[in-house]
Amino acid sequence: MLSVAMETRYNRFIPPASLPGQSSPSIEKLLTLRMYGQTEHCIDSKMALTRLACILVLLSTHCYFNVLAVILKTTNDAPWANEFESIELSCLIESISTNDPRIEWKKIKDGEPSYVYFEKKISGDLEGRARIREPATLVITNATRSDSASYRCEVTAPIDQKTFDEILINLVIRVKPVVPKCAVPKSVPVGKAAELRCVEDEGFPKSQYQWFRNKEEIPDDPKTSPKFFNSSYMLNAETGTLKFSAVRKDDSGEYFCRAKNDAGHSECGPQTMEVYNINIAGIILGVLVVVVVLLCITVGICCAYKRGYFISQKQTGNNYKAPAKGDGVDYVRTEDEGDFRHKSSFVI
């Protein structure tokens, strides 16, 4: 390839054969052109060699610093697992020169760091349920909801040019919802409002809610389903409330709620809500009966007052009791009742 290029470059400066009637170029001019082409070729070759040397120097420098620096990497910086499952937090040492580096793991929750691996021992709340897989990967064998936090892998290599590196991993432990608490009214009159409630506080991430009537899911918008088209309600999947602005007879049935998240779902038992018609005639009749009874009671009381059953009788006769006679005094009663006078009597 190089010879072809040189030949092409050389031929560029060789003039074509002189045509009849034209003078041929001089030998000096031809030699000058040839020397110019060779000089240009030498300059291009030196520039190519210079570029190659620079590239080699950069590569060798990069390799040198890599060997003298501790560098960490991870396969997943945001892992997740369901509660009670195993999960590993990968911390891979990409390059290092120190034979026995110091490896530490710290758990950071609510901004407070704490050791979970220190001096080659599992510590803290991971003690007894975690281990280190060489060289520096942390494996949690029985994850719980309290393990959701940020974890930092730290490696110190005293011999290396860069002696320290760290990597941050955010762990999320998902928790399946427990059975939600459901509140369904037993009976509601037609046309009245009704509210169904569903709540669950254990799941993580936060649960979303679904309502079912007669084992069929209630859509968020009643207009999207022919079976619920005439119903008027609002379903909040975040809070778990199902509010009817005015119930209809068709809204009667068995209702239950489902709480779900990425870890699974749980349901409460079905509860029956009955929608009944209001008996206007019965209500009016009942009111009339009460009015009649109250009227009869009032008339009876008035008659009793008129006949004197509620007037107290005054007692008559002599109820006054004469005082007992004292020693030496005689009491004599006159004809006028209540008039007494005493007679003196002396015993010698």
Protein backbone atom coordinates (compact mmCIF):
# COMPACT_ATOMS: atom_id res chain seq x y z
CA MET A 1 0.00 0.00 0.00
CA LEU A 2 2.86 2.37 0.87
CA SER A 3 4.64 1.71 -2.45
CA VAL A 4 1.45 2.31 -4.39
CA ALA A 5 0.96 5.61 -2.61
CA MET A 6 4.55 6.65 -3.30
CA GLU A 7 4.22 5.71 -6.92
CA THR A 8 1.02 7.69 -7.20
CA ARG A 9 2.59 10.67 -5.49
CA TYR A 10 5.69 10.41 -7.77
CA ASN A 11 3.63 10.10 -10.93
CA ARG A 12 1.81 13.23 -10.00
CA PHE A 13 4.90 15.26 -10.75
CA ILE A 14 5.93 13.55 -14.02
CA PRO A 15 4.58 15.60 -16.92
CA PRO A 16 3.03 13.80 -19.89
CA ALA A 17 5.00 13.29 -23.10
CA SER A 18 5.36 16.39 -25.15
CA LEU A 19 3.04 16.72 -28.02
CA PRO A 20 4.32 17.51 -31.42
CA GLY A 21 5.19 21.16 -31.72
CA GLN A 22 5.67 21.54 -27.88
CA SER A 23 8.98 21.86 -26.06
CA SER A 24 9.86 19.19 -23.40
CA PRO A 25 10.49 20.30 -19.77
CA SER A 26 14.07 20.58 -18.58
CA ILE A 27 15.80 17.86 -16.52
CA GLU A 28 16.42 20.29 -13.65
CA LYS A 29 12.72 21.00 -13.26
CA LEU A 30 11.93 17.29 -13.17
CA LEU A 31 14.51 16.62 -10.48
CA THR A 32 13.19 19.50 -8.40
CA LEU A 33 9.65 18.18 -8.52
CA ARG A 34 10.79 14.68 -7.57
CA MET A 35 12.74 15.93 -4.56
CA TYR A 36 9.73 17.97 -3.42
CA GLY A 37 7.50 14.89 -3.50
CA GLN A 38 9.94 12.82 -1.46
CA THR A 39 10.24 15.58 1.15
CA GLU A 40 6.47 15.80 1.53
CA HIS A 41 6.25 12.03 1.96
CA CYS A 42 8.85 12.07 4.73
CA ILE A 43 6.97 14.80 6.59
CA ASP A 44 3.68 12.79 6.46
CA SER A 45 5.43 9.66 7.75
CA LYS A 46 6.95 11.51 10.70
CA MET A 47 3.56 12.98 11.66
CA ALA A 48 1.94 9.53 11.60
CA LEU A 49 4.72 8.13 13.78
CA THR A 50 4.31 11.02 16.21
CA ARG A 51 0.56 10.37 16.57
CA LEU A 52 1.17 6.67 17.14
CA ALA A 53 3.73 7.42 19.83
CA CYS A 54 1.33 9.76 21.62
CA ILE A 55 -1.41 7.13 21.62
CA LEU A 56 0.98 4.54 23.04
CA VAL A 57 2.07 6.91 25.77
CA LEU A 58 -1.53 7.66 26.75
CA LEU A 59 -2.43 3.98 26.86
CA SER A 60 0.56 3.09 28.96
CA THR A 61 -0.13 5.98 31.35
CA HIS A 62 -3.78 4.92 31.73
CA CYS A 63 -2.79 1.32 32.45
CA TYR A 64 -0.19 2.48 34.95
CA PHE A 65 -2.63 4.59 36.96
CA ASN A 66 -5.28 1.86 36.83
CA VAL A 67 -2.89 -0.60 38.36
CA LEU A 68 -2.03 1.87 41.13
CA ALA A 69 -5.64 2.91 41.93
CA VAL A 70 -8.48 1.07 43.72
CA ILE A 71 -11.63 1.28 41.61
CA LEU A 72 -15.05 -0.10 42.58
CA LYS A 73 -18.15 -0.83 40.54
CA THR A 74 -21.55 -2.45 41.06
CA THR A 75 -23.92 -4.39 38.86
CA ASN A 76 -27.01 -2.78 40.41
CA ASP A 77 -27.08 0.42 42.44
CA ALA A 78 -30.84 0.21 43.19
CA PRO A 79 -31.72 -3.42 44.03
CA TRP A 80 -35.01 -4.54 45.60
CA ALA A 81 -36.41 -7.69 47.17
CA ASN A 82 -39.58 -8.89 48.86
CA GLU A 83 -39.58 -9.24 52.62
CA PHE A 84 -37.93 -12.42 53.96
CA GLU A 85 -36.12 -13.04 50.66
CA SER A 86 -32.37 -12.94 49.99
CA ILE A 87 -30.70 -10.00 48.28
CA GLU A 88 -27.11 -9.17 47.40
CA LEU A 89 -25.48 -5.75 47.22
CA SER A 90 -22.70 -6.11 44.68
CA CYS A 91 -19.42 -4.32 45.33
CA LEU A 92 -16.82 -5.38 42.76
CA ILE A 93 -13.16 -4.35 42.89
CA GLU A 94 -12.26 -3.53 39.31
CA SER A 95 -8.57 -2.81 39.96
CA ILE A 96 -6.30 -2.84 43.00
CA SER A 97 -2.65 -3.46 43.91
CA THR A 98 -2.97 -3.99 47.67
CA ASN A 99 -3.24 -7.66 48.54
CA ASP A 100 -5.34 -7.28 51.70
CA PRO A 101 -7.46 -4.13 51.43
CA ARG A 102 -9.71 -2.96 54.25
CA ILE A 103 -13.39 -3.48 53.37
CA GLU A 104 -16.25 -1.86 55.28
CA TRP A 105 -20.01 -1.61 54.78
CA LYS A 106 -22.13 1.15 56.30
CA LYS A 107 -25.91 1.45 56.47
CA ILE A 108 -27.28 4.99 56.12
CA LYS A 109 -30.84 5.54 57.31
CA ASP A 110 -32.40 8.91 58.11
CA GLY A 111 -28.98 10.44 57.47
CA GLU A 112 -27.30 8.42 60.25
CA PRO A 113 -24.53 5.95 59.22
CA SER A 114 -23.89 2.72 61.15
CA TYR A 115 -21.53 -0.20 60.55
CA VAL A 116 -22.95 -3.47 59.23
CA TYR A 117 -19.54 -4.93 58.28
CA PHE A 118 -16.45 -3.86 60.19
CA GLU A 119 -13.12 -5.58 60.86
CA LYS A 120 -14.21 -8.58 58.79
CA LYS A 121 -17.34 -9.19 60.90
CA ILE A 122 -21.05 -8.64 60.27
CA SER A 123 -22.38 -6.24 62.86
CA GLY A 124 -25.38 -4.09 63.69
CA ASP A 125 -28.89 -5.20 62.77
CA LEU A 126 -27.56 -7.53 60.03
CA GLU A 127 -25.70 -9.72 62.48
CA GLY A 128 -26.67 -13.36 62.04
CA ARG A 129 -28.44 -12.89 58.71
CA ALA A 130 -25.81 -11.57 56.30
CA ARG A 131 -22.40 -12.54 54.93
CA ILE A 132 -19.64 -11.22 52.66
CA ARG A 133 -19.05 -12.89 49.32
CA GLU A 134 -15.54 -12.30 48.04
CA PRO A 135 -14.25 -9.87 47.37
CA ALA A 136 -16.68 -7.31 48.85
CA THR A 137 -20.30 -8.17 47.95
CA LEU A 138 -22.78 -8.04 50.87
CA VAL A 139 -25.45 -10.78 50.86
CA ILE A 140 -28.52 -10.37 53.12
CA THR A 141 -30.12 -13.80 53.59
CA ASN A 142 -33.37 -12.78 55.33
CA ALA A 143 -34.33 -9.23 54.41
CA THR A 144 -36.86 -7.33 56.51
CA ARG A 145 -38.66 -4.04 56.01
CA SER A 146 -36.18 -2.30 58.32
CA ASP A 147 -33.38 -3.08 55.83
CA SER A 148 -34.67 -0.49 53.36
CA ALA A 149 -31.87 2.09 53.37
CA SER A 150 -28.73 3.26 51.57
CA TYR A 151 -25.61 1.12 51.89
CA ARG A 152 -22.07 2.29 51.24
CA CYS A 153 -19.22 -0.05 50.32
CA GLU A 154 -15.82 1.40 51.27
CA VAL A 155 -12.43 -0.09 50.26
CA THR A 156 -9.11 1.24 51.50
CA ALA A 157 -5.86 0.13 49.75
CA PRO A 158 -2.76 1.72 51.38
CA ILE A 159 -0.28 0.58 48.70
CA ASP A 160 -2.22 1.98 45.73
CA GLN A 161 -1.69 5.45 44.28
CA LYS A 162 -5.41 6.10 44.89
CA THR A 163 -5.92 4.54 48.31
CA PHE A 164 -9.71 4.83 48.76
CA ASP A 165 -12.90 4.31 46.80
CA GLU A 166 -16.57 3.90 47.71
CA ILE A 167 -19.88 3.09 46.05
CA LEU A 168 -23.44 3.84 47.21
CA ILE A 169 -26.33 1.35 46.80
CA ASN A 170 -29.99 2.11 47.57
CA LEU A 171 -31.89 -0.97 48.78
CA VAL A 172 -35.69 -1.24 48.86
CA ILE A 173 -37.45 -4.11 50.65
CA ARG A 174 -41.03 -4.53 49.47
CA VAL A 175 -43.68 -5.65 51.97
CA LYS A 176 -46.89 -7.42 50.98
CA PRO A 177 -50.08 -5.74 52.29
CA VAL A 178 -51.92 -7.32 55.21
CA VAL A 179 -55.69 -7.95 55.15
CA PRO A 180 -57.28 -4.48 54.92
CA LYS A 181 -60.00 -3.22 57.25
CA CYS A 182 -63.22 -2.67 55.33
CA ALA A 183 -66.33 -0.73 56.39
CA VAL A 184 -69.52 -1.28 54.34
CA PRO A 185 -72.95 0.06 55.45
CA LYS A 186 -75.48 -2.75 55.86
CA SER A 187 -78.51 -0.87 54.53
CA VAL A 188 -79.02 2.44 52.75
CA PRO A 189 -82.27 3.98 51.46
CA VAL A 190 -82.59 4.70 47.78
CA GLY A 191 -81.30 8.12 46.81
CA LYS A 192 -79.15 8.59 49.90
CA ALA A 193 -75.35 8.91 49.99
CA ALA A 194 -73.14 6.04 51.12
CA GLU A 195 -69.41 5.68 51.80
CA LEU A 196 -67.36 2.47 51.80
CA ARG A 197 -63.89 2.59 53.39
CA CYS A 198 -60.81 0.38 53.06
CA VAL A 199 -57.46 0.90 54.82
CA GLU A 200 -54.16 -0.99 55.21
CA ASP A 201 -50.96 0.43 56.73
CA GLU A 202 -48.36 -2.37 56.60
CA GLY A 203 -47.56 -2.67 52.89
CA PHE A 204 -44.53 -1.05 51.26
CA PRO A 205 -44.62 0.63 48.82
CA LYS A 206 -47.93 2.19 49.83
CA SER A 207 -50.92 0.10 48.82
CA GLN A 208 -53.33 0.91 46.03
CA TYR A 209 -56.98 -0.12 46.47
CA GLN A 210 -59.60 -1.83 44.34
CA TRP A 211 -63.28 -2.41 45.12
CA PHE A 212 -65.38 -5.33 43.90
CA ARG A 213 -69.13 -5.85 43.78
CA ASN A 214 -70.36 -9.42 43.44
CA LYS A 215 -66.77 -10.47 42.55
CA GLU A 216 -66.58 -7.98 39.66
CA GLU A 217 -64.09 -5.11 39.82
CA ILE A 218 -65.61 -1.65 40.08
CA PRO A 219 -63.97 0.63 37.47
CA ASP A 220 -62.63 4.06 38.36
CA ASP A 221 -65.09 5.62 35.93
CA PRO A 222 -68.60 4.09 35.92
CA LYS A 223 -69.17 5.27 32.34
CA THR A 224 -66.58 2.78 31.07
CA SER A 225 -68.64 -0.29 32.06
CA PRO A 226 -72.21 -1.13 31.03
CA LYS A 227 -72.91 -2.74 34.42
CA PHE A 228 -71.97 0.40 36.33
CA PHE A 229 -73.01 2.98 33.76
CA ASN A 230 -76.01 4.24 35.78
CA SER A 231 -74.17 4.32 39.11
CA SER A 232 -72.95 7.60 40.55
CA TYR A 233 -69.84 7.16 42.68
CA MET A 234 -66.24 8.30 43.14
CA LEU A 235 -63.46 5.74 43.69
CA ASN A 236 -60.17 6.90 45.21
CA ALA A 237 -57.49 4.25 44.66
CA GLU A 238 -55.05 6.12 46.93
CA THR A 239 -57.23 6.32 50.06
CA GLY A 240 -59.48 3.30 49.44
CA THR A 241 -62.79 5.17 49.70
CA LEU A 242 -65.82 4.45 47.51
CA LYS A 243 -68.43 7.22 47.76
CA PHE A 244 -71.95 6.97 46.31
CA SER A 245 -73.66 10.32 45.90
CA ALA A 246 -77.08 8.66 45.51
CA VAL A 247 -77.44 4.87 45.70
CA ARG A 248 -79.76 2.89 43.45
CA LYS A 249 -81.36 -0.51 43.86
CA ASP A 250 -78.78 -1.91 41.44
CA ASP A 251 -76.04 -0.91 43.88
CA SER A 252 -77.10 -3.66 46.29
CA GLY A 253 -74.69 -6.57 46.55
CA GLU A 254 -71.61 -8.03 48.23
CA TYR A 255 -68.64 -5.67 48.39
CA PHE A 256 -65.02 -6.38 49.23
CA CYS A 257 -61.75 -4.46 48.90
CA ARG A 258 -58.29 -5.48 47.67
CA ALA A 259 -55.06 -3.77 48.76
CA LYS A 260 -52.13 -4.33 46.41
CA ASN A 261 -48.55 -3.22 45.74
CA ASP A 262 -45.49 -4.59 43.95
CA ALA A 263 -45.02 -7.30 46.61
CA GLY A 264 -48.53 -8.79 46.39
CA HIS A 265 -52.13 -8.19 47.48
CA SER A 266 -54.64 -9.00 50.25
CA GLU A 267 -58.43 -8.84 50.43
CA CYS A 268 -61.03 -8.35 53.13
CA GLY A 269 -64.10 -10.60 53.38
CA PRO A 270 -67.27 -9.73 51.42
CA GLN A 271 -69.90 -7.60 53.14
CA THR A 272 -73.49 -7.08 51.97
CA MET A 273 -74.98 -3.65 51.37
CA GLU A 274 -78.76 -3.53 50.94
CA VAL A 275 -80.45 -0.65 49.19
CA TYR A 276 -84.14 -0.35 50.09
CA ASN A 277 -87.04 1.86 49.00
CA ILE A 278 -88.54 4.33 51.48
CA ASN A 279 -92.25 3.45 52.32
CA ILE A 280 -93.89 6.88 52.28
CA ALA A 281 -97.37 5.51 53.04
CA GLY A 282 -96.07 3.58 56.02
CA ILE A 283 -94.31 6.63 57.39
CA ILE A 284 -97.49 8.74 57.09
CA LEU A 285 -99.58 6.03 58.75
CA GLY A 286 -97.13 5.75 61.59
CA VAL A 287 -97.21 9.49 62.18
CA LEU A 288 -101.03 9.46 62.25
CA VAL A 289 -101.07 6.64 64.79
CA VAL A 290 -98.72 8.56 67.06
CA VAL A 291 -100.85 11.70 66.78
CA VAL A 292 -104.04 9.77 67.66
CA VAL A 293 -102.43 8.15 70.68
CA LEU A 294 -101.16 11.49 71.97
CA LEU A 295 -104.63 13.03 71.46
CA CYS A 296 -106.32 10.25 73.44
CA ILE A 297 -103.88 10.67 76.30
CA THR A 298 -104.51 14.43 76.39
CA VAL A 299 -108.34 14.02 76.46
CA GLY A 300 -108.12 11.43 79.26
CA ILE A 301 -106.02 13.73 81.41
CA CYS A 302 -108.47 16.62 80.91
CA CYS A 303 -111.46 14.46 81.92
CA ALA A 304 -109.67 13.28 85.04
CA TYR A 305 -109.03 16.86 86.13
CA LYS A 306 -112.65 17.80 85.62
CA ARG A 307 -113.86 14.92 87.82
CA GLY A 308 -111.47 15.90 90.55
CA TYR A 309 -109.25 12.88 90.52
CA PHE A 310 -106.17 15.04 90.76
CA ILE A 311 -107.57 17.42 93.63
CA SER A 312 -106.39 16.58 97.18
CA GLN A 313 -109.12 16.39 99.93
CA LYS A 314 -108.80 18.50 103.17
CA GLN A 315 -109.02 16.59 106.42
CA THR A 316 -111.76 17.75 108.93
CA GLY A 317 -112.46 17.22 112.67
CA ASN A 318 -110.67 17.97 115.93
CA ASN A 319 -107.11 16.97 115.46
CA TYR A 320 -105.78 19.03 118.29
CA LYS A 321 -104.51 16.98 121.19
CA ALA A 322 -104.65 18.47 124.64
CA PRO A 323 -101.36 18.62 126.43
CA ALA A 324 -100.82 16.30 129.35
CA LYS A 325 -101.65 17.54 132.85
CA GLY A 326 -98.77 18.67 134.88
CA ASP A 327 -98.37 18.21 138.60
CA GLY A 328 -100.35 20.79 140.55
CA VAL A 329 -102.18 22.25 137.57
CA ASP A 330 -105.72 21.41 136.41
CA TYR A 331 -106.68 22.26 132.87
CA VAL A 332 -110.36 22.99 132.28
CA ARG A 333 -111.79 23.02 128.82
CA THR A 334 -114.41 25.60 128.03
CA GLU A 335 -117.17 25.35 125.52
CA ASP A 336 -115.13 27.12 122.93
CA GLU A 337 -112.94 24.56 121.28
CA GLY A 338 -109.37 25.26 121.68
CA ASP A 339 -109.83 27.62 124.65
CA PHE A 340 -108.16 26.32 127.82
CA ARG A 341 -107.57 27.79 131.23
CA HIS A 342 -105.95 26.29 134.25
CA LYS A 343 -106.94 26.17 137.88
CA SER A 344 -104.38 26.36 140.56
CA SER A 345 -104.20 23.48 143.00
CA PHE A 346 -101.92 23.12 145.88
CA VAL A 347 -101.21 20.01 147.80
CA ILE A 348 -100.02 20.61 151.32
